Amino acid sequence: MKYTEHSIDLDHEGKDETSALFPYPFTFRTREQLQEYFVKELTKNRVVYVIKIVLGSLTLVLPLLNVFMVYRSVVYQREDFGDTYSTFHSIIFYGEFTLVHVTVFFVLIDFLYHKLKSRQSLFSNKGEWVNLLDVEFTFMAFNLIKLIPILSVNSFNFILTEISICTPIFLKYSRSVQAVTFTLLTLIISIQVIIVLALLVLINLVKVYQVSFVGETRNPLLWSQNQWLLFIGFAANIINITDTPTISQLSFMWTLMNKTWSHDANMWFMDKLGSKRKIHIVNQLYERLGFLKAFLWLRTMSAIDLHCIVRLPPPLEESSSHM
């Protein structure tokens, strides 16, 4: 389970700066070292430990509030299918309701399916249940406003991929065929851009329309209970967007940990044991902290936390020599 960084040729003006960029080997803890870390180091700083448990409890507020608002939006939906805007309003909120439930139930069904497929006992590994609960709460925080940056970035990347694939094929044909192909490709991309922009604008309009009373009734003391709930729900949707960078960083660290170097292919490959390694780490959390505390600790896990767990620090003498 030990990996060392592959030597990289970063010669700059005849000076090899590799040693300056990577002064310490990237060494993962073995199974025994990982268990030792959880026993001796994880709860060593009681202040950090208590803060993480408290913050983990607070991370449950937004997902639960989001689900409450999703149900409330559907239950209190004013449907007037004779009005075009009201129709789009209903489609968006029913769509949000459906997507939340599809993601939550899909994760649960997929988990149970793999358990039955591998013929494992449902409670053979408590760490799997801790991880499942964490994933479920992450999906419960899903809302259409959170979909805006995801949809924007992915759509942009998809269009760039289309162009990169079509360009070499496009250059092989005569100018007349190129003109026709260019026109069709431009039309297709334009339609895709228009659809994405229309969807993003529509989501924004419907969500902002919910809190339009803010401009009409400036004094919050005059807001009704219904208006306060709408305002809090909209604020929660906006706050949920801020989770995206944290999730991305943590995902990057898990990906880094789940890669192995192939000398034959001279490149990194995804490790097939990546998911099992993650579950092993979560299971160690469970054995050390118990189910509830492990779940709350996992809710606050950052890329730095994961880095400290899986990577061995450099020896003390090497650290002091580089100071």
Protein backbone atom coordinates (compact mmCIF):
# COMPACT_ATOMS: atom_id res chain seq x y z
CA MET A 1 0.00 0.00 0.00
CA LYS A 2 3.07 2.24 -0.18
CA TYR A 3 3.47 4.49 -3.18
CA THR A 4 6.28 6.90 -3.94
CA GLU A 5 6.09 9.82 -6.28
CA HIS A 6 7.37 9.04 -9.75
CA SER A 7 10.34 11.16 -10.79
CA ILE A 8 9.26 14.07 -12.97
CA ASP A 9 11.52 15.89 -15.39
CA LEU A 10 10.96 19.57 -14.60
CA ASP A 11 14.35 20.83 -15.68
CA HIS A 12 14.37 24.62 -15.62
CA GLU A 13 17.38 26.39 -17.15
CA GLY A 14 19.56 23.35 -16.52
CA LYS A 15 18.54 23.09 -12.84
CA ASP A 16 16.62 20.07 -11.59
CA GLU A 17 13.92 21.41 -9.27
CA THR A 18 12.22 18.04 -8.67
CA SER A 19 13.68 17.68 -5.18
CA ALA A 20 12.45 21.15 -4.24
CA LEU A 21 8.93 20.41 -5.50
CA PHE A 22 8.69 16.98 -3.87
CA PRO A 23 11.00 16.97 -0.82
CA TYR A 24 9.11 14.14 0.92
CA PRO A 25 7.89 10.79 -0.48
CA PHE A 26 4.12 10.39 -0.79
CA THR A 27 3.75 7.32 1.45
CA PHE A 28 0.38 5.89 2.46
CA ARG A 29 -0.16 4.31 5.84
CA THR A 30 -0.33 0.53 5.98
CA ARG A 31 -3.39 -1.15 7.53
CA GLU A 32 -1.61 -1.41 10.91
CA GLN A 33 -0.41 2.23 10.77
CA LEU A 34 -3.93 3.36 9.90
CA GLN A 35 -5.40 1.53 12.90
CA GLU A 36 -2.69 3.00 15.13
CA TYR A 37 -3.53 6.50 13.87
CA PHE A 38 -7.21 6.08 14.69
CA VAL A 39 -6.45 4.77 18.18
CA LYS A 40 -3.75 7.28 19.17
CA GLU A 41 -4.18 10.42 17.07
CA LEU A 42 -7.78 10.85 15.93
CA THR A 43 -9.26 12.06 19.23
CA LYS A 44 -6.02 13.37 20.70
CA ASN A 45 -7.10 17.02 20.34
CA ARG A 46 -10.35 17.06 22.30
CA VAL A 47 -11.27 20.60 21.21
CA VAL A 48 -11.08 19.71 17.51
CA TYR A 49 -12.90 16.44 18.20
CA VAL A 50 -15.84 18.13 19.96
CA ILE A 51 -16.02 20.90 17.34
CA LYS A 52 -16.18 18.36 14.52
CA ILE A 53 -19.02 16.47 16.24
CA VAL A 54 -20.96 19.72 16.77
CA LEU A 55 -20.36 20.91 13.20
CA GLY A 56 -21.33 17.45 11.93
CA SER A 57 -24.68 17.86 13.69
CA LEU A 58 -25.16 21.28 12.06
CA THR A 59 -24.55 19.82 8.59
CA LEU A 60 -27.80 17.88 8.97
CA VAL A 61 -29.87 21.06 9.18
CA LEU A 62 -29.66 22.12 5.51
CA PRO A 63 -30.45 18.69 3.97
CA LEU A 64 -33.46 18.26 6.27
CA LEU A 65 -34.63 21.82 5.59
CA ASN A 66 -34.17 21.27 1.85
CA VAL A 67 -36.33 18.12 1.89
CA PHE A 68 -38.96 19.94 3.96
CA MET A 69 -39.07 22.81 1.45
CA VAL A 70 -39.22 20.39 -1.51
CA TYR A 71 -42.29 18.72 0.00
CA ARG A 72 -43.80 22.05 0.95
CA SER A 73 -43.32 23.47 -2.57
CA VAL A 74 -45.26 20.55 -4.02
CA VAL A 75 -48.01 20.47 -1.38
CA TYR A 76 -48.68 24.22 -1.57
CA GLN A 77 -48.30 24.37 -5.33
CA ARG A 78 -50.87 26.61 -7.03
CA GLU A 79 -51.57 24.85 -10.29
CA ASP A 80 -53.06 26.76 -13.18
CA PHE A 81 -52.14 24.88 -16.34
CA GLY A 82 -53.92 27.49 -18.41
CA ASP A 83 -51.14 29.91 -17.47
CA THR A 84 -47.79 29.18 -19.16
CA TYR A 85 -45.67 30.56 -16.29
CA SER A 86 -47.66 28.59 -13.71
CA THR A 87 -47.11 25.45 -15.80
CA PHE A 88 -43.32 25.94 -15.82
CA HIS A 89 -43.51 26.75 -12.11
CA SER A 90 -45.18 23.38 -11.45
CA ILE A 91 -42.79 21.47 -13.75
CA ILE A 92 -39.73 22.86 -11.94
CA PHE A 93 -40.95 22.05 -8.44
CA TYR A 94 -42.28 18.60 -9.35
CA GLY A 95 -38.98 18.03 -11.18
CA GLU A 96 -36.99 18.99 -8.09
CA PHE A 97 -39.18 16.74 -5.94
CA THR A 98 -38.64 13.82 -8.34
CA LEU A 99 -34.87 14.28 -8.71
CA VAL A 100 -34.28 14.38 -4.94
CA HIS A 101 -36.20 11.14 -4.44
CA VAL A 102 -34.66 9.38 -7.46
CA THR A 103 -31.10 10.09 -6.24
CA VAL A 104 -31.84 9.14 -2.62
CA PHE A 105 -33.65 5.88 -3.45
CA PHE A 106 -31.22 4.92 -6.22
CA VAL A 107 -28.28 5.05 -3.79
CA LEU A 108 -30.15 2.90 -1.27
CA ILE A 109 -31.31 0.34 -3.85
CA ASP A 110 -27.83 0.17 -5.41
CA PHE A 111 -26.32 -0.44 -1.96
CA LEU A 112 -28.78 -3.25 -1.15
CA TYR A 113 -28.33 -4.78 -4.63
CA HIS A 114 -24.54 -5.06 -4.24
CA LYS A 115 -24.99 -6.50 -0.75
CA LEU A 116 -27.28 -9.23 -2.05
CA LYS A 117 -25.14 -9.80 -5.16
CA SER A 118 -22.03 -10.41 -3.06
CA ARG A 119 -24.12 -12.52 -0.63
CA GLN A 120 -22.91 -10.51 2.32
CA SER A 121 -24.81 -10.01 5.52
CA LEU A 122 -26.52 -6.62 5.55
CA PHE A 123 -24.66 -5.68 8.75
CA SER A 124 -21.33 -7.36 8.03
CA ASN A 125 -19.60 -3.97 7.76
CA LYS A 126 -21.00 -1.09 9.81
CA GLY A 127 -18.69 1.35 8.01
CA GLU A 128 -20.71 0.79 4.82
CA TRP A 129 -23.86 1.95 6.59
CA VAL A 130 -22.10 5.01 7.98
CA ASN A 131 -20.92 5.89 4.47
CA LEU A 132 -24.40 5.21 3.00
CA LEU A 133 -26.04 7.55 5.50
CA ASP A 134 -23.49 10.27 4.71
CA VAL A 135 -24.11 9.91 0.95
CA GLU A 136 -27.88 9.98 1.48
CA PHE A 137 -27.71 13.25 3.42
CA THR A 138 -25.48 14.73 0.72
CA PHE A 139 -28.13 13.93 -1.91
CA MET A 140 -30.93 15.23 0.33
CA ALA A 141 -29.31 18.66 0.03
CA PHE A 142 -29.78 18.60 -3.75
CA ASN A 143 -31.82 21.43 -5.27
CA LEU A 144 -32.17 22.99 -8.69
CA ILE A 145 -30.11 26.07 -7.79
CA LYS A 146 -27.26 23.73 -6.90
CA LEU A 147 -27.74 22.20 -10.34
CA ILE A 148 -26.97 25.56 -12.04
CA PRO A 149 -23.12 25.52 -11.68
CA ILE A 150 -22.98 21.77 -12.31
CA LEU A 151 -25.13 22.02 -15.44
CA SER A 152 -23.22 25.07 -16.70
CA VAL A 153 -19.76 23.51 -16.37
CA ASN A 154 -20.78 20.10 -17.73
CA SER A 155 -22.65 21.62 -20.68
CA PHE A 156 -19.63 23.77 -21.55
CA ASN A 157 -17.32 20.74 -21.36
CA PHE A 158 -19.75 18.65 -23.44
CA ILE A 159 -19.85 21.26 -26.20
CA LEU A 160 -16.04 21.56 -26.20
CA THR A 161 -15.80 17.75 -26.49
CA GLU A 162 -18.19 17.83 -29.46
CA ILE A 163 -16.06 20.45 -31.20
CA SER A 164 -12.77 18.62 -30.48
CA ILE A 165 -14.19 15.36 -31.90
CA CYS A 166 -15.74 16.97 -34.98
CA THR A 167 -12.79 19.23 -35.92
CA PRO A 168 -10.37 16.55 -37.27
CA ILE A 169 -13.24 14.84 -39.16
CA PHE A 170 -14.40 18.21 -40.49
CA LEU A 171 -10.97 19.02 -41.99
CA LYS A 172 -10.90 15.85 -44.11
CA TYR A 173 -13.73 16.92 -46.42
CA SER A 174 -13.93 19.37 -49.31
CA ARG A 175 -14.86 23.00 -48.74
CA SER A 176 -18.47 22.52 -49.89
CA VAL A 177 -18.98 19.65 -47.43
CA GLN A 178 -17.16 21.64 -44.74
CA ALA A 179 -19.57 24.56 -45.25
CA VAL A 180 -22.62 22.31 -44.82
CA THR A 181 -21.09 20.47 -41.86
CA PHE A 182 -20.07 23.74 -40.18
CA THR A 183 -23.61 25.12 -40.61
CA LEU A 184 -25.20 21.99 -39.12
CA LEU A 185 -22.71 21.84 -36.25
CA THR A 186 -23.24 25.53 -35.48
CA LEU A 187 -27.02 25.04 -35.52
CA ILE A 188 -26.83 22.04 -33.18
CA ILE A 189 -24.51 23.80 -30.72
CA SER A 190 -26.67 26.95 -30.83
CA ILE A 191 -29.78 24.91 -29.97
CA GLN A 192 -27.91 23.22 -27.10
CA VAL A 193 -26.73 26.57 -25.72
CA ILE A 194 -30.23 28.08 -26.00
CA ILE A 195 -31.82 25.11 -24.20
CA VAL A 196 -29.26 25.22 -21.37
CA LEU A 197 -29.53 29.00 -20.96
CA ALA A 198 -33.35 28.88 -21.09
CA LEU A 199 -33.38 26.17 -18.41
CA LEU A 200 -30.97 28.08 -16.16
CA VAL A 201 -32.90 31.34 -16.56
CA LEU A 202 -36.21 29.57 -15.89
CA ILE A 203 -34.90 27.94 -12.71
CA ASN A 204 -33.61 31.31 -11.50
CA LEU A 205 -36.87 33.11 -12.33
CA VAL A 206 -39.05 30.58 -10.53
CA LYS A 207 -36.83 30.48 -7.45
CA VAL A 208 -36.46 34.26 -7.28
CA TYR A 209 -40.21 34.67 -7.84
CA GLN A 210 -40.75 32.83 -4.55
CA VAL A 211 -39.07 35.64 -2.61
CA SER A 212 -40.33 38.57 -4.67
CA PHE A 213 -42.21 39.77 -1.59
CA VAL A 214 -38.84 40.95 -0.18
CA GLY A 215 -38.92 43.96 -2.51
CA GLU A 216 -42.62 44.60 -1.93
CA THR A 217 -42.61 44.25 1.86
CA ARG A 218 -39.27 45.61 2.94
CA ASN A 219 -39.90 45.32 6.68
CA PRO A 220 -39.20 41.69 7.74
CA LEU A 221 -41.47 42.19 10.75
CA LEU A 222 -44.42 42.32 8.35
CA TRP A 223 -43.57 39.02 6.67
CA SER A 224 -46.01 36.18 7.25
CA GLN A 225 -44.93 32.73 8.47
CA ASN A 226 -45.29 31.44 4.91
CA GLN A 227 -43.00 34.21 3.57
CA TRP A 228 -40.37 33.53 6.24
CA LEU A 229 -40.32 29.85 5.27
CA LEU A 230 -39.91 30.76 1.60
CA PHE A 231 -37.05 33.15 2.40
CA ILE A 232 -35.26 30.61 4.64
CA GLY A 233 -35.73 27.89 1.98
CA PHE A 234 -34.28 30.12 -0.75
CA ALA A 235 -31.34 31.07 1.50
CA ALA A 236 -30.70 27.36 2.19
CA ASN A 237 -30.65 26.67 -1.56
CA ILE A 238 -27.99 29.36 -2.05
CA ILE A 239 -25.92 28.14 0.92
CA ASN A 240 -25.97 24.59 -0.47
CA ILE A 241 -24.03 25.79 -3.52
CA THR A 242 -21.04 26.50 -1.27
CA ASP A 243 -20.69 22.76 -0.57
CA THR A 244 -19.58 22.11 -4.15
CA PRO A 245 -15.89 23.23 -3.81
CA THR A 246 -15.51 21.19 -0.59
CA ILE A 247 -16.99 18.09 -2.19
CA SER A 248 -14.77 18.58 -5.25
CA GLN A 249 -11.61 18.85 -3.13
CA LEU A 250 -12.53 15.77 -1.10
CA SER A 251 -13.33 13.87 -4.30
CA PHE A 252 -9.90 14.84 -5.65
CA MET A 253 -8.20 13.45 -2.55
CA TRP A 254 -10.15 10.17 -2.73
CA THR A 255 -9.23 9.89 -6.42
CA LEU A 256 -5.57 10.55 -5.63
CA MET A 257 -5.61 7.88 -2.96
CA ASN A 258 -7.30 5.37 -5.26
CA LYS A 259 -4.72 5.45 -8.06
CA THR A 260 -1.81 3.08 -8.55
CA TRP A 261 1.24 3.41 -10.78
CA SER A 262 1.78 0.96 -13.64
CA HIS A 263 5.42 0.65 -14.73
CA ASP A 264 4.35 -1.32 -17.82
CA ALA A 265 1.94 1.34 -19.11
CA ASN A 266 3.97 4.22 -17.60
CA MET A 267 0.84 5.91 -16.26
CA TRP A 268 -1.55 6.04 -13.29
CA PHE A 269 -4.63 3.81 -13.15
CA MET A 270 -7.71 3.85 -10.94
CA ASP A 271 -7.31 1.23 -8.23
CA LYS A 272 -10.12 -1.36 -8.24
CA LEU A 273 -9.90 -1.51 -4.44
CA GLY A 274 -10.58 2.22 -4.10
CA SER A 275 -14.15 1.89 -2.81
CA LYS A 276 -13.16 -0.91 -0.42
CA ARG A 277 -10.30 1.21 0.91
CA LYS A 278 -12.71 4.05 1.59
CA ILE A 279 -15.11 1.72 3.42
CA HIS A 280 -12.20 0.36 5.47
CA ILE A 281 -11.32 3.90 6.61
CA VAL A 282 -14.95 4.64 7.47
CA ASN A 283 -15.19 1.33 9.33
CA GLN A 284 -12.13 2.32 11.38
CA LEU A 285 -13.96 5.52 12.25
CA TYR A 286 -16.97 3.47 13.35
CA GLU A 287 -14.91 1.12 15.52
CA ARG A 288 -13.20 4.06 17.21
CA LEU A 289 -16.12 6.47 17.62
CA GLY A 290 -19.31 4.43 17.31
CA PHE A 291 -21.98 4.77 14.62
CA LEU A 292 -23.41 8.22 15.37
CA LYS A 293 -20.12 9.99 16.13
CA ALA A 294 -18.42 8.38 13.12
CA PHE A 295 -21.27 9.61 10.91
CA LEU A 296 -21.07 13.17 12.30
CA TRP A 297 -17.25 13.18 11.99
CA LEU A 298 -17.51 11.95 8.41
CA ARG A 299 -19.95 14.79 7.63
CA THR A 300 -17.18 17.29 8.36
CA MET A 301 -14.35 15.40 6.65
CA SER A 302 -12.27 17.68 4.45
CA ALA A 303 -9.49 16.97 1.97
CA ILE A 304 -6.99 17.96 4.69
CA ASP A 305 -8.52 15.47 7.14
CA LEU A 306 -8.32 12.67 4.59
CA HIS A 307 -4.75 13.68 3.75
CA CYS A 308 -3.75 13.42 7.43
CA ILE A 309 -5.46 10.03 7.76
CA VAL A 310 -3.96 8.25 4.76
CA ARG A 311 -0.56 9.88 4.37
CA LEU A 312 2.38 9.34 6.68
CA PRO A 313 4.13 12.53 7.83
CA PRO A 314 7.85 12.78 6.96
CA PRO A 315 10.32 11.60 9.62
CA LEU A 316 11.19 14.28 12.18
CA GLU A 317 14.86 14.44 11.21
CA GLU A 318 13.98 14.94 7.52
CA SER A 319 11.50 17.69 8.36
CA SER A 320 14.01 19.60 10.44
CA SER A 321 16.69 19.32 7.76
CA HIS A 322 14.41 21.07 5.21
CA MET A 323 13.55 23.95 7.51
